[in-house]
Amino acid sequence: MLSEFQQLDTQVLGASTDAAPPQKAFADHCGLSFPLVADFPAFAAAKAFGVFNEDRLTDSRVTFVIDKQGIIRHVIDDAQNMERHATESLEALRTLAGK
């Protein structure tokens, strides 16, 4: 679905509390072609977005749709249905773009 996101002039980023080497292995395994951000070891982004679990030292599976002004416009919090993150984000972007 990456091409559909690109048609809406968006930047897709993945972020996790994993270090860079495991993220690269994940991206290679899944054939991802968008940037991944390693939020390790400080977990600053996960903490700033309120998705960091101190007990497990990991982040929640949450997607944020952020507009060009830096405002969070939509949030998907679903640890089970990964496809929902992409489809619902795309729907939110289309709504924001008036399409």
PDB file of N, CA and C in Angstrom:
ATOM      1  N   MET A   1       0.817  -1.205   0.000  1.00  0.00           N
ATOM      2  CA  MET A   1       0.000   0.000   0.000  1.00  0.00           C
ATOM      3  C   MET A   1       0.858   1.264   0.000  1.00  0.00           C
ATOM      4  N   LEU A   2       2.180   1.099   0.017  1.00  0.00           N
ATOM      5  CA  LEU A   2       3.060   2.261   0.110  1.00  0.00           C
ATOM      6  C   LEU A   2       2.813   3.242  -1.030  1.00  0.00           C
ATOM      7  N   SER A   3       2.576   2.752  -2.233  1.00  0.00           N
ATOM      8  CA  SER A   3       2.350   3.660  -3.360  1.00  0.00           C
ATOM      9  C   SER A   3       1.094   4.509  -3.152  1.00  0.00           C
ATOM     10  N   GLU A   4       0.081   3.943  -2.506  1.00  0.00           N
ATOM     11  CA  GLU A   4      -1.137   4.714  -2.223  1.00  0.00           C
ATOM     12  C   GLU A   4      -0.850   5.841  -1.239  1.00  0.00           C
ATOM     13  N   PHE A   5       0.001   5.577  -0.258  1.00  0.00           N
ATOM     14  CA  PHE A   5       0.399   6.626   0.685  1.00  0.00           C
ATOM     15  C   PHE A   5       1.194   7.709  -0.045  1.00  0.00           C
ATOM     16  N   GLN A   6       2.097   7.293  -0.914  1.00  0.00           N
ATOM     17  CA  GLN A   6       2.931   8.252  -1.645  1.00  0.00           C
ATOM     18  C   GLN A   6       2.097   9.133  -2.561  1.00  0.00           C
ATOM     19  N   GLN A   7       1.021   8.591  -3.133  1.00  0.00           N
ATOM     20  CA  GLN A   7       0.138   9.382  -3.989  1.00  0.00           C
ATOM     21  C   GLN A   7      -0.546  10.503  -3.201  1.00  0.00           C
ATOM     22  N   LEU A   8      -0.640  10.336  -1.893  1.00  0.00           N
ATOM     23  CA  LEU A   8      -1.245  11.364  -1.037  1.00  0.00           C
ATOM     24  C   LEU A   8      -0.191  12.288  -0.430  1.00  0.00           C
ATOM     25  N   ASP A   9       1.020  12.251  -1.005  1.00  0.00           N
ATOM     26  CA  ASP A   9       2.127  13.112  -0.570  1.00  0.00           C
ATOM     27  C   ASP A   9       2.414  12.938   0.921  1.00  0.00           C
ATOM     28  N   THR A  10       2.573  11.688   1.337  1.00  0.00           N
ATOM     29  CA  THR A  10       2.853  11.391   2.738  1.00  0.00           C
ATOM     30  C   THR A  10       4.221  10.749   2.887  1.00  0.00           C
ATOM     31  N   GLN A  11       4.729  10.788   4.084  1.00  0.00           N
ATOM     32  CA  GLN A  11       5.964  10.100   4.452  1.00  0.00           C
ATOM     33  C   GLN A  11       5.602   9.015   5.454  1.00  0.00           C
ATOM     34  N   VAL A  12       5.899   7.788   5.120  1.00  0.00           N
ATOM     35  CA  VAL A  12       5.672   6.670   6.023  1.00  0.00           C
ATOM     36  C   VAL A  12       6.966   6.398   6.763  1.00  0.00           C
ATOM     37  N   LEU A  13       6.878   6.311   8.085  1.00  0.00           N
ATOM     38  CA  LEU A  13       8.024   5.975   8.932  1.00  0.00           C
ATOM     39  C   LEU A  13       7.602   4.885   9.901  1.00  0.00           C
ATOM     40  N   GLY A  14       8.510   4.010  10.194  1.00  0.00           N
ATOM     41  CA  GLY A  14       8.289   3.031  11.247  1.00  0.00           C
ATOM     42  C   GLY A  14       9.239   3.345  12.387  1.00  0.00           C
ATOM     43  N   ALA A  15       8.791   3.174  13.596  1.00  0.00           N
ATOM     44  CA  ALA A  15       9.642   3.422  14.757  1.00  0.00           C
ATOM     45  C   ALA A  15       9.381   2.348  15.791  1.00  0.00           C
ATOM     46  N   SER A  16      10.437   1.956  16.473  1.00  0.00           N
ATOM     47  CA  SER A  16      10.268   1.009  17.573  1.00  0.00           C
ATOM     48  C   SER A  16      11.405   1.178  18.562  1.00  0.00           C
ATOM     49  N   THR A  17      11.242   0.547  19.691  1.00  0.00           N
ATOM     50  CA  THR A  17      12.266   0.607  20.736  1.00  0.00           C
ATOM     51  C   THR A  17      13.369  -0.406  20.495  1.00  0.00           C
ATOM     52  N   ASP A  18      13.325  -1.114  19.387  1.00  0.00           N
ATOM     53  CA  ASP A  18      14.400  -2.032  19.032  1.00  0.00           C
ATOM     54  C   ASP A  18      15.621  -1.241  18.563  1.00  0.00           C
ATOM     55  N   ALA A  19      16.783  -1.840  18.723  1.00  0.00           N
ATOM     56  CA  ALA A  19      18.015  -1.248  18.207  1.00  0.00           C
ATOM     57  C   ALA A  19      18.026  -1.384  16.682  1.00  0.00           C
ATOM     58  N   ALA A  20      18.927  -0.671  16.029  1.00  0.00           N
ATOM     59  CA  ALA A  20      18.975  -0.641  14.568  1.00  0.00           C
ATOM     60  C   ALA A  20      19.197  -2.016  13.921  1.00  0.00           C
ATOM     61  N   PRO A  21      20.120  -2.864  14.408  1.00  0.00           N
ATOM     62  CA  PRO A  21      20.326  -4.153  13.726  1.00  0.00           C
ATOM     63  C   PRO A  21      19.079  -5.045  13.659  1.00  0.00           C
ATOM     64  N   PRO A  22      18.326  -5.219  14.756  1.00  0.00           N
ATOM     65  CA  PRO A  22      17.103  -6.011  14.625  1.00  0.00           C
ATOM     66  C   PRO A  22      16.068  -5.354  13.705  1.00  0.00           C
ATOM     67  N   GLN A  23      16.025  -4.028  13.696  1.00  0.00           N
ATOM     68  CA  GLN A  23      15.097  -3.341  12.798  1.00  0.00           C
ATOM     69  C   GLN A  23      15.450  -3.598  11.344  1.00  0.00           C
ATOM     70  N   LYS A  24      16.757  -3.564  11.045  1.00  0.00           N
ATOM     71  CA  LYS A  24      17.193  -3.834   9.670  1.00  0.00           C
ATOM     72  C   LYS A  24      16.826  -5.249   9.265  1.00  0.00           C
ATOM     73  N   ALA A  25      17.028  -6.204  10.160  1.00  0.00           N
ATOM     74  CA  ALA A  25      16.674  -7.598   9.864  1.00  0.00           C
ATOM     75  C   ALA A  25      15.171  -7.715   9.608  1.00  0.00           C
ATOM     76  N   PHE A  26      14.369  -7.032  10.417  1.00  0.00           N
ATOM     77  CA  PHE A  26      12.914  -7.034  10.247  1.00  0.00           C
ATOM     78  C   PHE A  26      12.540  -6.432   8.897  1.00  0.00           C
ATOM     79  N   ALA A  27      13.123  -5.279   8.565  1.00  0.00           N
ATOM     80  CA  ALA A  27      12.820  -4.604   7.300  1.00  0.00           C
ATOM     81  C   ALA A  27      13.210  -5.479   6.115  1.00  0.00           C
ATOM     82  N   ASP A  28      14.366  -6.112   6.196  1.00  0.00           N
ATOM     83  CA  ASP A  28      14.815  -6.995   5.121  1.00  0.00           C
ATOM     84  C   ASP A  28      13.880  -8.194   4.983  1.00  0.00           C
ATOM     85  N   HIS A  29      13.513  -8.782   6.107  1.00  0.00           N
ATOM     86  CA  HIS A  29      12.627  -9.948   6.100  1.00  0.00           C
ATOM     87  C   HIS A  29      11.263  -9.617   5.491  1.00  0.00           C
ATOM     88  N   CYS A  30      10.747  -8.436   5.814  1.00  0.00           N
ATOM     89  CA  CYS A  30       9.416  -8.036   5.346  1.00  0.00           C
ATOM     90  C   CYS A  30       9.446  -7.290   4.013  1.00  0.00           C
ATOM     91  N   GLY A  31      10.643  -6.971   3.528  1.00  0.00           N
ATOM     92  CA  GLY A  31      10.757  -6.233   2.273  1.00  0.00           C
ATOM     93  C   GLY A  31      10.276  -4.798   2.370  1.00  0.00           C
ATOM     94  N   LEU A  32      10.487  -4.171   3.522  1.00  0.00           N
ATOM     95  CA  LEU A  32      10.032  -2.792   3.721  1.00  0.00           C
ATOM     96  C   LEU A  32      10.928  -1.825   2.959  1.00  0.00           C
ATOM     97  N   SER A  33      10.307  -0.814   2.357  1.00  0.00           N
ATOM     98  CA  SER A  33      11.084   0.174   1.612  1.00  0.00           C
ATOM     99  C   SER A  33      10.908   1.586   2.169  1.00  0.00           C
ATOM    100  N   PHE A  34      10.363   1.680   3.384  1.00  0.00           N
ATOM    101  CA  PHE A  34      10.243   2.984   4.034  1.00  0.00           C
ATOM    102  C   PHE A  34      11.189   3.001   5.235  1.00  0.00           C
ATOM    103  N   PRO A  35      11.588   4.196   5.681  1.00  0.00           N
ATOM    104  CA  PRO A  35      12.552   4.293   6.777  1.00  0.00           C
ATOM    105  C   PRO A  35      12.010   3.771   8.107  1.00  0.00           C
ATOM    106  N   LEU A  36      12.897   3.140   8.867  1.00  0.00           N
ATOM    107  CA  LEU A  36      12.604   2.732  10.237  1.00  0.00           C
ATOM    108  C   LEU A  36      13.496   3.530  11.168  1.00  0.00           C
ATOM    109  N   VAL A  37      12.944   3.962  12.271  1.00  0.00           N
ATOM    110  CA  VAL A  37      13.667   4.768  13.257  1.00  0.00           C
ATOM    111  C   VAL A  37      13.867   3.925  14.509  1.00  0.00           C
ATOM    112  N   ALA A  38      15.116   3.823  14.952  1.00  0.00           N
ATOM    113  CA  ALA A  38      15.429   3.089  16.176  1.00  0.00           C
ATOM    114  C   ALA A  38      15.358   4.055  17.353  1.00  0.00           C
ATOM    115  N   ASP A  39      14.428   3.813  18.244  1.00  0.00           N
ATOM    116  CA  ASP A  39      14.232   4.664  19.427  1.00  0.00           C
ATOM    117  C   ASP A  39      14.939   4.027  20.625  1.00  0.00           C
ATOM    118  N   PHE A  40      16.162   3.622  20.403  1.00  0.00           N
ATOM    119  CA  PHE A  40      16.944   2.874  21.395  1.00  0.00           C
ATOM    120  C   PHE A  40      18.267   3.584  21.593  1.00  0.00           C
ATOM    121  N   PRO A  41      18.779   3.737  22.757  1.00  0.00           N
ATOM    122  CA  PRO A  41      18.372   3.153  24.023  1.00  0.00           C
ATOM    123  C   PRO A  41      17.556   4.089  24.920  1.00  0.00           C
ATOM    124  N   ALA A  42      17.344   5.327  24.500  1.00  0.00           N
ATOM    125  CA  ALA A  42      16.674   6.295  25.385  1.00  0.00           C
ATOM    126  C   ALA A  42      15.146   6.185  25.351  1.00  0.00           C
ATOM    127  N   PHE A  43      14.587   5.640  24.266  1.00  0.00           N
ATOM    128  CA  PHE A  43      13.131   5.493  24.117  1.00  0.00           C
ATOM    129  C   PHE A  43      12.419   6.848  24.173  1.00  0.00           C
ATOM    130  N   ALA A  44      13.092   7.895  23.727  1.00  0.00           N
ATOM    131  CA  ALA A  44      12.557   9.253  23.844  1.00  0.00           C
ATOM    132  C   ALA A  44      11.265   9.443  23.059  1.00  0.00           C
ATOM    133  N   ALA A  45      11.200   8.936  21.841  1.00  0.00           N
ATOM    134  CA  ALA A  45       9.992   9.105  21.031  1.00  0.00           C
ATOM    135  C   ALA A  45       8.817   8.345  21.635  1.00  0.00           C
ATOM    136  N   ALA A  46       9.045   7.094  22.017  1.00  0.00           N
ATOM    137  CA  ALA A  46       7.963   6.287  22.618  1.00  0.00           C
ATOM    138  C   ALA A  46       7.434   6.955  23.881  1.00  0.00           C
ATOM    139  N   LYS A  47       8.317   7.507  24.675  1.00  0.00           N
ATOM    140  CA  LYS A  47       7.892   8.201  25.893  1.00  0.00           C
ATOM    141  C   LYS A  47       7.128   9.477  25.550  1.00  0.00           C
ATOM    142  N   ALA A  48       7.623  10.235  24.570  1.00  0.00           N
ATOM    143  CA  ALA A  48       6.979  11.493  24.189  1.00  0.00           C
ATOM    144  C   ALA A  48       5.572  11.262  23.633  1.00  0.00           C
ATOM    145  N   PHE A  49       5.383  10.151  22.917  1.00  0.00           N
ATOM    146  CA  PHE A  49       4.080   9.848  22.336  1.00  0.00           C
ATOM    147  C   PHE A  49       3.191   9.044  23.284  1.00  0.00           C
ATOM    148  N   GLY A  50       3.703   8.745  24.473  1.00  0.00           N
ATOM    149  CA  GLY A  50       2.898   8.056  25.485  1.00  0.00           C
ATOM    150  C   GLY A  50       2.641   6.590  25.194  1.00  0.00           C
ATOM    151  N   VAL A  51       3.543   5.935  24.461  1.00  0.00           N
ATOM    152  CA  VAL A  51       3.339   4.533  24.104  1.00  0.00           C
ATOM    153  C   VAL A  51       4.412   3.609  24.682  1.00  0.00           C
ATOM    154  N   PHE A  52       5.208   4.114  25.613  1.00  0.00           N
ATOM    155  CA  PHE A  52       6.289   3.311  26.193  1.00  0.00           C
ATOM    156  C   PHE A  52       5.810   2.564  27.425  1.00  0.00           C
ATOM    157  N   ASN A  53       6.134   1.286  27.476  1.00  0.00           N
ATOM    158  CA  ASN A  53       5.802   0.442  28.617  1.00  0.00           C
ATOM    159  C   ASN A  53       7.079   0.271  29.446  1.00  0.00           C
ATOM    160  N   GLU A  54       7.147   0.938  30.584  1.00  0.00           N
ATOM    161  CA  GLU A  54       8.338   0.906  31.445  1.00  0.00           C
ATOM    162  C   GLU A  54       8.659  -0.500  31.942  1.00  0.00           C
ATOM    163  N   ASP A  55       7.632  -1.292  32.253  1.00  0.00           N
ATOM    164  CA  ASP A  55       7.855  -2.641  32.780  1.00  0.00           C
ATOM    165  C   ASP A  55       8.495  -3.564  31.748  1.00  0.00           C
ATOM    166  N   ARG A  56       8.048  -3.456  30.499  1.00  0.00           N
ATOM    167  CA  ARG A  56       8.548  -4.340  29.443  1.00  0.00           C
ATOM    168  C   ARG A  56       9.658  -3.709  28.618  1.00  0.00           C
ATOM    169  N   LEU A  57       9.938  -2.437  28.837  1.00  0.00           N
ATOM    170  CA  LEU A  57      10.930  -1.685  28.065  1.00  0.00           C
ATOM    171  C   LEU A  57      10.683  -1.790  26.569  1.00  0.00           C
ATOM    172  N   THR A  58       9.434  -1.604  26.197  1.00  0.00           N
ATOM    173  CA  THR A  58       9.052  -1.655  24.789  1.00  0.00           C
ATOM    174  C   THR A  58       7.913  -0.683  24.531  1.00  0.00           C
ATOM    175  N   ASP A  59       7.598  -0.504  23.271  1.00  0.00           N
ATOM    176  CA  ASP A  59       6.507   0.395  22.909  1.00  0.00           C
ATOM    177  C   ASP A  59       5.275  -0.405  22.519  1.00  0.00           C
ATOM    178  N   SER A  60       4.137   0.270  22.511  1.00  0.00           N
ATOM    179  CA  SER A  60       2.888  -0.321  22.055  1.00  0.00           C
ATOM    180  C   SER A  60       2.813  -0.194  20.536  1.00  0.00           C
ATOM    181  N   ARG A  61       1.992  -1.011  19.924  1.00  0.00           N
ATOM    182  CA  ARG A  61       1.807  -0.930  18.473  1.00  0.00           C
ATOM    183  C   ARG A  61       0.726   0.101  18.180  1.00  0.00           C
ATOM    184  N   VAL A  62       1.179   1.314  17.980  1.00  0.00           N
ATOM    185  CA  VAL A  62       0.284   2.437  17.750  1.00  0.00           C
ATOM    186  C   VAL A  62       0.744   3.175  16.502  1.00  0.00           C
ATOM    187  N   THR A  63      -0.213   3.581  15.689  1.00  0.00           N
ATOM    188  CA  THR A  63       0.077   4.374  14.496  1.00  0.00           C
ATOM    189  C   THR A  63      -0.500   5.766  14.689  1.00  0.00           C
ATOM    190  N   PHE A  64       0.309   6.759  14.350  1.00  0.00           N
ATOM    191  CA  PHE A  64      -0.113   8.149  14.415  1.00  0.00           C
ATOM    192  C   PHE A  64      -0.121   8.730  13.008  1.00  0.00           C
ATOM    193  N   VAL A  65      -1.222   9.343  12.626  1.00  0.00           N
ATOM    194  CA  VAL A  65      -1.289  10.099  11.380  1.00  0.00           C
ATOM    195  C   VAL A  65      -1.073  11.549  11.784  1.00  0.00           C
ATOM    196  N   ILE A  66       0.030  12.110  11.300  1.00  0.00           N
ATOM    197  CA  ILE A  66       0.437  13.463  11.688  1.00  0.00           C
ATOM    198  C   ILE A  66       0.436  14.342  10.445  1.00  0.00           C
ATOM    199  N   ASP A  67      -0.216  15.494  10.520  1.00  0.00           N
ATOM    200  CA  ASP A  67      -0.281  16.366   9.346  1.00  0.00           C
ATOM    201  C   ASP A  67       1.020  17.150   9.176  1.00  0.00           C
ATOM    202  N   LYS A  68       1.078  17.930   8.122  1.00  0.00           N
ATOM    203  CA  LYS A  68       2.306  18.665   7.792  1.00  0.00           C
ATOM    204  C   LYS A  68       2.623  19.773   8.786  1.00  0.00           C
ATOM    205  N   GLN A  69       1.654  20.117   9.637  1.00  0.00           N
ATOM    206  CA  GLN A  69       1.907  21.103  10.689  1.00  0.00           C
ATOM    207  C   GLN A  69       2.352  20.424  11.987  1.00  0.00           C
ATOM    208  N   GLY A  70       2.451  19.102  11.965  1.00  0.00           N
ATOM    209  CA  GLY A  70       2.900  18.365  13.144  1.00  0.00           C
ATOM    210  C   GLY A  70       1.788  18.029  14.127  1.00  0.00           C
ATOM    211  N   ILE A  71       0.550  18.135  13.692  1.00  0.00           N
ATOM    212  CA  ILE A  71      -0.597  17.857  14.559  1.00  0.00           C
ATOM    213  C   ILE A  71      -1.059  16.419  14.344  1.00  0.00           C
ATOM    214  N   ILE A  72      -1.212  15.680  15.441  1.00  0.00           N
ATOM    215  CA  ILE A  72      -1.723  14.309  15.356  1.00  0.00           C
ATOM    216  C   ILE A  72      -3.195  14.387  14.992  1.00  0.00           C
ATOM    217  N   ARG A  73      -3.550  13.792  13.863  1.00  0.00           N
ATOM    218  CA  ARG A  73      -4.923  13.850  13.354  1.00  0.00           C
ATOM    219  C   ARG A  73      -5.695  12.550  13.553  1.00  0.00           C
ATOM    220  N   HIS A  74      -4.972  11.440  13.742  1.00  0.00           N
ATOM    221  CA  HIS A  74      -5.648  10.158  13.905  1.00  0.00           C
ATOM    222  C   HIS A  74      -4.696   9.196  14.608  1.00  0.00           C
ATOM    223  N   VAL A  75      -5.253   8.333  15.451  1.00  0.00           N
ATOM    224  CA  VAL A  75      -4.456   7.359  16.193  1.00  0.00           C
ATOM    225  C   VAL A  75      -5.100   5.988  16.052  1.00  0.00           C
ATOM    226  N   ILE A  76      -4.287   4.986  15.742  1.00  0.00           N
ATOM    227  CA  ILE A  76      -4.748   3.598  15.697  1.00  0.00           C
ATOM    228  C   ILE A  76      -3.945   2.828  16.730  1.00  0.00           C
ATOM    229  N   ASP A  77      -4.629   2.274  17.713  1.00  0.00           N
ATOM    230  CA  ASP A  77      -3.994   1.515  18.791  1.00  0.00           C
ATOM    231  C   ASP A  77      -4.583   0.109  18.764  1.00  0.00           C
ATOM    232  N   ASP A  78      -3.878  -0.799  18.104  1.00  0.00           N
ATOM    233  CA  ASP A  78      -4.365  -2.165  17.937  1.00  0.00           C
ATOM    234  C   ASP A  78      -3.155  -3.086  17.818  1.00  0.00           C
ATOM    235  N   ALA A  79      -2.902  -3.848  18.849  1.00  0.00           N
ATOM    236  CA  ALA A  79      -1.730  -4.728  18.868  1.00  0.00           C
ATOM    237  C   ALA A  79      -1.926  -5.995  18.047  1.00  0.00           C
ATOM    238  N   GLN A  80      -3.144  -6.296  17.670  1.00  0.00           N
ATOM    239  CA  GLN A  80      -3.421  -7.558  16.988  1.00  0.00           C
ATOM    240  C   GLN A  80      -3.550  -7.435  15.473  1.00  0.00           C
ATOM    241  N   ASN A  81      -4.225  -6.398  15.005  1.00  0.00           N
ATOM    242  CA  ASN A  81      -4.565  -6.285  13.593  1.00  0.00           C
ATOM    243  C   ASN A  81      -3.656  -5.269  12.904  1.00  0.00           C
ATOM    244  N   MET A  82      -2.525  -5.747  12.387  1.00  0.00           N
ATOM    245  CA  MET A  82      -1.562  -4.844  11.754  1.00  0.00           C
ATOM    246  C   MET A  82      -2.086  -4.269  10.442  1.00  0.00           C
ATOM    247  N   GLU A  83      -2.908  -5.023   9.735  1.00  0.00           N
ATOM    248  CA  GLU A  83      -3.467  -4.512   8.482  1.00  0.00           C
ATOM    249  C   GLU A  83      -4.345  -3.290   8.744  1.00  0.00           C
ATOM    250  N   ARG A  84      -5.022  -3.285   9.882  1.00  0.00           N
ATOM    251  CA  ARG A  84      -5.879  -2.149  10.248  1.00  0.00           C
ATOM    252  C   ARG A  84      -5.076  -0.851  10.291  1.00  0.00           C
ATOM    253  N   HIS A  85      -3.845  -0.911  10.753  1.00  0.00           N
ATOM    254  CA  HIS A  85      -3.016   0.296  10.851  1.00  0.00           C
ATOM    255  C   HIS A  85      -2.857   0.947   9.479  1.00  0.00           C
ATOM    256  N   ALA A  86      -2.566   0.144   8.473  1.00  0.00           N
ATOM    257  CA  ALA A  86      -2.367   0.696   7.128  1.00  0.00           C
ATOM    258  C   ALA A  86      -3.678   1.164   6.509  1.00  0.00           C
ATOM    259  N   THR A  87      -4.698   0.331   6.558  1.00  0.00           N
ATOM    260  CA  THR A  87      -5.953   0.699   5.893  1.00  0.00           C
ATOM    261  C   THR A  87      -6.614   1.898   6.556  1.00  0.00           C
ATOM    262  N   GLU A  88      -6.623   1.939   7.866  1.00  0.00           N
ATOM    263  CA  GLU A  88      -7.266   3.055   8.565  1.00  0.00           C
ATOM    264  C   GLU A  88      -6.453   4.339   8.429  1.00  0.00           C
ATOM    265  N   SER A  89      -5.140   4.229   8.409  1.00  0.00           N
ATOM    266  CA  SER A  89      -4.298   5.413   8.194  1.00  0.00           C
ATOM    267  C   SER A  89      -4.541   5.998   6.816  1.00  0.00           C
ATOM    268  N   LEU A  90      -4.616   5.127   5.826  1.00  0.00           N
ATOM    269  CA  LEU A  90      -4.865   5.577   4.463  1.00  0.00           C
ATOM    270  C   LEU A  90      -6.228   6.265   4.363  1.00  0.00           C
ATOM    271  N   GLU A  91      -7.227   5.706   5.006  1.00  0.00           N
ATOM    272  CA  GLU A  91      -8.560   6.308   5.029  1.00  0.00           C
ATOM    273  C   GLU A  91      -8.522   7.693   5.695  1.00  0.00           C
ATOM    274  N   ALA A  92      -7.804   7.799   6.814  1.00  0.00           N
ATOM    275  CA  ALA A  92      -7.691   9.091   7.508  1.00  0.00           C
ATOM    276  C   ALA A  92      -6.990  10.120   6.627  1.00  0.00           C
ATOM    277  N   LEU A  93      -5.953   9.700   5.927  1.00  0.00           N
ATOM    278  CA  LEU A  93      -5.228  10.621   5.037  1.00  0.00           C
ATOM    279  C   LEU A  93      -6.105  11.086   3.881  1.00  0.00           C
ATOM    280  N   ARG A  94      -6.867  10.175   3.338  1.00  0.00           N
ATOM    281  CA  ARG A  94      -7.779  10.555   2.244  1.00  0.00           C
ATOM    282  C   ARG A  94      -8.806  11.572   2.737  1.00  0.00           C
ATOM    283  N   THR A  95      -9.307  11.368   3.951  1.00  0.00           N
ATOM    284  CA  THR A  95     -10.257  12.308   4.531  1.00  0.00           C
ATOM    285  C   THR A  95      -9.604  13.677   4.710  1.00  0.00           C
ATOM    286  N   LEU A  96      -8.398  13.692   5.233  1.00  0.00           N
ATOM    287  CA  LEU A  96      -7.683  14.970   5.428  1.00  0.00           C
ATOM    288  C   LEU A  96      -7.423  15.676   4.106  1.00  0.00           C
ATOM    289  N   ALA A  97      -7.166  14.893   3.058  1.00  0.00           N
ATOM    290  CA  ALA A  97      -6.871  15.460   1.740  1.00  0.00           C
ATOM    291  C   ALA A  97      -8.147  15.809   0.975  1.00  0.00           C
ATOM    292  N   GLY A  98      -9.309  15.440   1.535  1.00  0.00           N
ATOM    293  CA  GLY A  98     -10.576  15.712   0.872  1.00  0.00           C
ATOM    294  C   GLY A  98     -10.824  14.823  -0.332  1.00  0.00           C
ATOM    295  N   LYS A  99     -10.298  13.591  -0.282  1.00  0.00           N
ATOM    296  CA  LYS A  99     -10.454  12.646  -1.411  1.00  0.00           C
ATOM    297  C   LYS A  99     -11.295  11.465  -1.030  1.00  0.00           C
TER     298      LYS A  99
END
